[in-house]
């Protein structure tokens, strides 16, 4: 997402770096399943969550001028017994 927003390497190279990253991740995932270290559902769940977070967090970051408020959702940090937490107002 950062590559698309800032055009870091140039359009062709940005796309190639994205495809290369997915190729390495897919190869690693395949080897983990073949080695019987993970189930395929583990790998697919991880890929889905990683992709959503990897695109979603920067997308929320670039969505508006106020980084704390997106579409009526306000996020903030709050103290908690274990350290710090995130609070949201919807």
Protein backbone atom coordinates (compact mmCIF):
# COMPACT_ATOMS: atom_id res chain seq x y z
CA UNK A 1 0.00 0.00 0.00
CA UNK A 2 2.88 2.36 0.76
CA UNK A 3 4.38 1.70 -2.67
CA UNK A 4 1.12 2.64 -4.39
CA UNK A 5 0.67 5.76 -2.28
CA UNK A 6 4.22 7.11 -2.61
CA UNK A 7 5.48 5.53 -5.86
CA UNK A 8 8.71 4.56 -4.10
CA UNK A 9 10.47 2.61 -6.87
CA UNK A 10 8.44 3.48 -9.95
CA UNK A 11 5.22 1.81 -11.03
CA UNK A 12 6.76 -1.28 -12.64
CA UNK A 13 9.22 -1.93 -9.83
CA UNK A 14 6.59 -1.36 -7.15
CA UNK A 15 4.36 -4.02 -8.73
CA UNK A 16 7.32 -6.38 -9.10
CA UNK A 17 8.28 -5.98 -5.43
CA UNK A 18 4.68 -6.77 -4.43
CA UNK A 19 4.56 -9.86 -6.62
CA UNK A 20 7.98 -10.95 -5.34
CA UNK A 21 6.86 -10.62 -1.73
CA UNK A 22 3.77 -12.72 -2.38
CA UNK A 23 5.87 -15.32 -4.24
CA UNK A 24 8.26 -15.69 -1.29
CA UNK A 25 5.34 -15.90 1.15
CA UNK A 26 3.54 -18.50 -0.99
CA UNK A 27 6.72 -20.59 -1.30
CA UNK A 28 7.29 -20.48 2.45
CA UNK A 29 3.65 -21.42 3.09
CA UNK A 30 3.87 -24.34 0.65
CA UNK A 31 7.03 -25.64 2.30
CA UNK A 32 5.42 -25.39 5.76
CA UNK A 33 2.44 -27.47 4.63
CA UNK A 34 4.59 -30.02 2.79
CA UNK A 35 6.86 -30.40 5.84
CA UNK A 36 3.71 -31.12 7.91
CA UNK A 37 4.43 -28.20 10.23
CA UNK A 38 1.13 -26.40 9.49
CA UNK A 39 -2.27 -27.34 8.14
CA UNK A 40 -3.36 -25.67 4.93
CA UNK A 41 -6.14 -23.90 6.84
CA UNK A 42 -3.49 -22.32 9.12
CA UNK A 43 -1.61 -21.02 6.11
CA UNK A 44 -4.71 -19.70 4.35
CA UNK A 45 -5.97 -18.02 7.52
CA UNK A 46 -2.58 -16.40 8.08
CA UNK A 47 -2.44 -15.22 4.48
CA UNK A 48 -5.92 -13.70 4.69
CA UNK A 49 -5.29 -11.95 8.00
CA UNK A 50 -1.85 -10.74 6.92
CA UNK A 51 -3.17 -9.36 3.65
CA UNK A 52 -6.09 -7.60 5.33
CA UNK A 53 -3.85 -6.02 7.96
CA UNK A 54 -1.10 -5.20 5.45
CA UNK A 55 -3.50 -3.34 3.18
CA UNK A 56 -6.07 -2.20 5.73
CA UNK A 57 -3.84 -0.41 8.22
CA UNK A 58 -2.06 1.78 5.62
CA UNK A 59 -5.38 2.36 3.87
CA UNK A 60 -6.85 3.69 7.11
CA UNK A 61 -3.71 5.74 7.62
CA UNK A 62 -3.98 7.42 4.21
CA UNK A 63 -7.79 7.70 4.23
CA UNK A 64 -8.14 11.17 5.69
CA UNK A 65 -6.40 14.19 7.08
CA UNK A 66 -7.12 13.22 10.67
CA UNK A 67 -5.36 9.88 11.19
CA UNK A 68 -7.37 9.18 14.37
CA UNK A 69 -10.83 9.48 12.81
CA UNK A 70 -11.97 7.51 9.76
CA UNK A 71 -15.63 7.30 8.72
CA UNK A 72 -16.93 8.22 12.17
CA UNK A 73 -14.60 5.84 14.01
CA UNK A 74 -12.24 7.48 16.49
CA UNK A 75 -9.31 5.49 17.86
CA UNK A 76 -7.12 6.43 20.78
CA UNK A 77 -4.68 5.04 23.31
CA UNK A 78 -5.78 4.37 26.88
CA UNK A 79 -3.92 3.15 29.96
CA UNK A 80 -4.73 -0.40 31.04
CA UNK A 81 -3.52 -2.69 33.84
CA UNK A 82 -1.18 -4.52 31.44
CA UNK A 83 0.31 -1.35 29.93
CA UNK A 84 -1.49 0.45 27.13
CA UNK A 85 -4.62 -0.35 25.17
CA UNK A 86 -6.53 0.92 22.18
CA UNK A 87 -10.00 2.34 22.63
CA UNK A 88 -12.46 3.10 19.88
CA UNK A 89 -15.62 5.13 19.58
CA UNK A 90 -18.00 4.04 16.84
